[in-house]
C-alpha cells in the first residue's frame, strides 16, 4: 500500500511541476482534492498537529500579499501549501516542516535565473516576459505593468515547494 501511495504522490507531484513550469498555474483540480485527501487521512489517523502545519504554510503564502502586492504569491501555491504543510509536519514535525518551507524558497530563488533566461528567449529584448503564456491578467505577478514590476519574469513556486517537501520527508522519515 505504501508503494502505491508513493507512486500516486510522485505522479501527482510531477504533473503539478510540469503544469506550473509550462503554464505558471497550479490548477484547483489537482491541488484541492489532494488537500482534502491528506487532511482527511491525517485527521483520521490522529495527526491533528500536522493540520496546523498546513494552515501555517498556507498563511505564509497568503497573508503577506494582503499587505503588499509585491509579496503576493499565486493562489495555487497557497492551496498546494495546504497539502504539503500537512505532509511535511506529519512526517518530520516542526523540523521537517521548516526544512520544506525554507528549502522551497531557496529552490525557487535558484530557479529565478532560469526563468529570466527563458523569458528573454526569442524576444530579442532583455528583461521582458516574452515566453508564451507569461502575459497573464493585469495584476498577475511578473507581467508588464504588474505589482512585480515591468519586465520581471514570473517564477513558479510550485516546483520548489514540491521538491523541498519530498526532500524534507525523505530526510526526516
Protein backbone atom coordinates (compact mmCIF):
# COMPACT_ATOMS: atom_id res chain seq x y z
CA UNK A 1 0.00 0.00 0.00
CA UNK A 2 2.82 2.41 0.82
CA UNK A 3 4.37 1.85 -2.61
CA UNK A 4 1.02 2.67 -4.23
CA UNK A 5 0.61 5.87 -2.24
CA UNK A 6 4.17 6.97 -3.03
CA UNK A 7 3.67 6.19 -6.74
CA UNK A 8 0.46 8.23 -6.89
CA UNK A 9 2.10 11.08 -4.95
CA UNK A 10 5.08 11.10 -7.33
CA UNK A 11 2.79 11.20 -10.37
CA UNK A 12 0.74 13.99 -8.80
CA UNK A 13 3.91 15.93 -7.98
CA UNK A 14 5.30 15.54 -11.49
CA UNK A 15 2.01 16.67 -13.01
CA UNK A 16 1.93 19.76 -10.80
CA UNK A 17 5.56 20.64 -11.52
CA UNK A 18 5.16 20.33 -15.28
CA UNK A 19 1.93 22.32 -15.26
CA UNK A 20 3.43 25.10 -13.15
CA UNK A 21 6.61 25.28 -15.24
CA UNK A 22 4.67 25.39 -18.53
CA UNK A 23 1.59 27.40 -17.62
CA UNK A 24 2.58 29.18 -14.40
CA UNK A 25 -0.57 27.80 -12.81
CA UNK A 26 -1.44 25.12 -10.27
CA UNK A 27 -4.97 24.01 -11.15
CA UNK A 28 -7.61 23.54 -8.47
CA UNK A 29 -8.45 20.10 -9.88
CA UNK A 30 -5.00 18.94 -8.71
CA UNK A 31 -4.50 20.95 -5.52
CA UNK A 32 -7.87 20.87 -3.77
CA UNK A 33 -8.63 17.12 -3.91
CA UNK A 34 -5.12 16.36 -2.65
CA UNK A 35 -5.60 18.71 0.29
CA UNK A 36 -8.94 17.07 1.12
CA UNK A 37 -7.49 13.54 0.98
CA UNK A 38 -4.43 14.43 3.06
CA UNK A 39 -6.44 16.34 5.66
CA UNK A 40 -8.94 13.50 5.98
CA UNK A 41 -6.22 10.83 6.21
CA UNK A 42 -4.19 12.77 8.78
CA UNK A 43 -7.24 13.75 10.80
CA UNK A 44 -8.46 10.15 10.95
CA UNK A 45 -5.02 8.85 11.90
CA UNK A 46 -4.60 11.26 14.80
CA UNK A 47 -2.08 13.65 13.23
CA UNK A 48 -4.06 16.74 14.21
CA UNK A 49 -0.92 18.84 14.70
CA UNK A 50 0.02 18.24 11.08
CA UNK A 51 -3.06 20.20 10.09
CA UNK A 52 -1.53 23.18 11.90
CA UNK A 53 1.48 22.82 9.59
CA UNK A 54 -0.88 23.05 6.62
CA UNK A 55 -2.56 26.19 7.89
CA UNK A 56 0.77 27.76 8.84
CA UNK A 57 2.31 27.24 5.37
CA UNK A 58 -0.90 28.48 3.76
CA UNK A 59 -0.73 31.61 5.93
CA UNK A 60 2.91 32.21 4.95
CA UNK A 61 1.77 32.14 1.32
CA UNK A 62 -1.45 34.12 1.62
CA UNK A 63 -1.02 36.73 4.35
CA UNK A 64 1.96 38.76 3.02
CA UNK A 65 0.01 39.54 -0.16
CA UNK A 66 -2.63 41.27 1.94
CA UNK A 67 -0.07 43.90 2.92
CA UNK A 68 1.78 44.41 -0.35
CA UNK A 69 1.12 43.41 -3.94
CA UNK A 70 4.86 42.79 -4.33
CA UNK A 71 4.60 39.99 -1.76
CA UNK A 72 1.65 38.31 -3.45
CA UNK A 73 2.03 34.62 -4.25
CA UNK A 74 -0.19 32.57 -6.51
CA UNK A 75 -3.40 31.12 -5.16
CA UNK A 76 -2.39 27.69 -6.42
CA UNK A 77 0.78 27.87 -4.34
CA UNK A 78 -1.26 28.69 -1.25
CA UNK A 79 -3.60 25.76 -1.93
CA UNK A 80 -0.63 23.47 -2.52
CA UNK A 81 0.73 24.57 0.87
CA UNK A 82 -2.40 23.12 2.49
CA UNK A 83 -1.29 19.66 1.35
CA UNK A 84 2.47 19.95 1.64
CA UNK A 85 2.40 21.68 5.03
CA UNK A 86 0.36 18.83 6.48
CA UNK A 87 2.51 16.09 4.95
CA UNK A 88 5.83 17.61 5.98
CA UNK A 89 4.61 18.34 9.50
CA UNK A 90 3.26 14.78 9.87
CA UNK A 91 6.46 13.20 8.55
CA UNK A 92 9.08 15.40 10.19
CA UNK A 93 7.41 17.53 12.83
CA UNK A 94 8.48 21.14 13.17
CA UNK A 95 11.97 20.45 11.80
CA UNK A 96 10.61 18.72 8.70
CA UNK A 97 8.08 21.50 8.14
CA UNK A 98 10.68 24.28 8.45
CA UNK A 99 13.07 22.37 6.19
CA UNK A 100 10.40 22.20 3.48
CA UNK A 101 9.30 25.82 3.84
CA UNK A 102 12.83 27.25 3.81
CA UNK A 103 14.02 24.82 1.16
CA UNK A 104 11.13 25.72 -1.14
CA UNK A 105 12.09 29.39 -1.05
CA UNK A 106 15.74 28.60 -1.75
CA UNK A 107 14.86 26.31 -4.65
CA UNK A 108 12.51 28.91 -6.13
CA UNK A 109 15.25 31.54 -5.89
CA UNK A 110 17.61 29.15 -7.65
CA UNK A 111 15.02 28.75 -10.44
CA UNK A 112 14.68 32.52 -10.99
CA UNK A 113 17.74 32.94 -13.29
CA UNK A 114 16.50 30.08 -15.46
CA UNK A 115 13.09 31.72 -15.76
CA UNK A 116 14.70 35.06 -16.56
CA UNK A 117 16.75 33.47 -19.33
CA UNK A 118 13.68 31.70 -20.75
CA UNK A 119 11.66 34.93 -20.62
CA UNK A 120 14.17 36.69 -22.86
CA UNK A 121 14.48 33.81 -25.37
CA UNK A 122 13.02 34.69 -28.71
CA UNK A 123 12.17 38.27 -27.84
CA UNK A 124 15.44 39.97 -28.60
CA UNK A 125 14.72 42.12 -25.56
CA UNK A 126 16.28 41.94 -22.16
CA UNK A 127 14.10 41.57 -19.10
CA UNK A 128 10.71 41.18 -20.73
CA UNK A 129 8.32 38.34 -20.26
CA UNK A 130 8.44 37.17 -23.86
CA UNK A 131 7.72 33.49 -23.36
CA UNK A 132 4.31 32.33 -24.44
CA UNK A 133 1.93 32.10 -21.52
CA UNK A 134 3.70 34.65 -19.36
CA UNK A 135 1.49 37.61 -20.19
CA UNK A 136 -1.32 36.99 -17.74
CA UNK A 137 -4.13 39.11 -16.42
CA UNK A 138 -3.46 42.60 -15.17
CA UNK A 139 -2.12 42.38 -11.67
CA UNK A 140 -0.51 38.98 -12.10
CA UNK A 141 2.99 38.99 -10.61
CA UNK A 142 5.71 39.46 -13.16
CA UNK A 143 3.69 40.62 -16.14
CA UNK A 144 4.46 44.02 -17.59
CA UNK A 145 2.79 46.68 -15.51
CA UNK A 146 2.08 44.31 -12.65
CA UNK A 147 2.93 44.75 -8.99
CA UNK A 148 6.10 42.70 -9.51
CA UNK A 149 7.28 45.33 -11.96
CA UNK A 150 7.57 45.59 -15.70
CA UNK A 151 9.80 43.08 -17.40
CA UNK A 152 10.30 40.82 -14.40
CA UNK A 153 9.94 37.15 -15.23
CA UNK A 154 7.37 35.07 -13.41
CA UNK A 155 8.91 32.31 -11.35
CA UNK A 156 6.78 29.28 -10.48
CA UNK A 157 6.96 28.42 -6.78
CA UNK A 158 5.22 25.03 -7.00
CA UNK A 159 8.24 23.04 -8.22
CA UNK A 160 10.39 24.37 -5.36
CA UNK A 161 7.65 23.58 -2.86
CA UNK A 162 7.26 20.03 -4.15
CA UNK A 163 10.97 19.18 -4.39
CA UNK A 164 11.69 20.67 -0.95
CA UNK A 165 8.78 18.75 0.55
CA UNK A 166 9.91 15.44 -0.95
CA UNK A 167 13.45 16.03 0.30
CA UNK A 168 12.18 17.01 3.74
CA UNK A 169 10.03 13.88 4.02
CA UNK A 170 12.85 11.64 2.79
CA UNK A 171 15.34 13.20 5.21
CA UNK A 172 13.09 13.12 8.27
CA UNK A 173 11.39 9.74 7.92
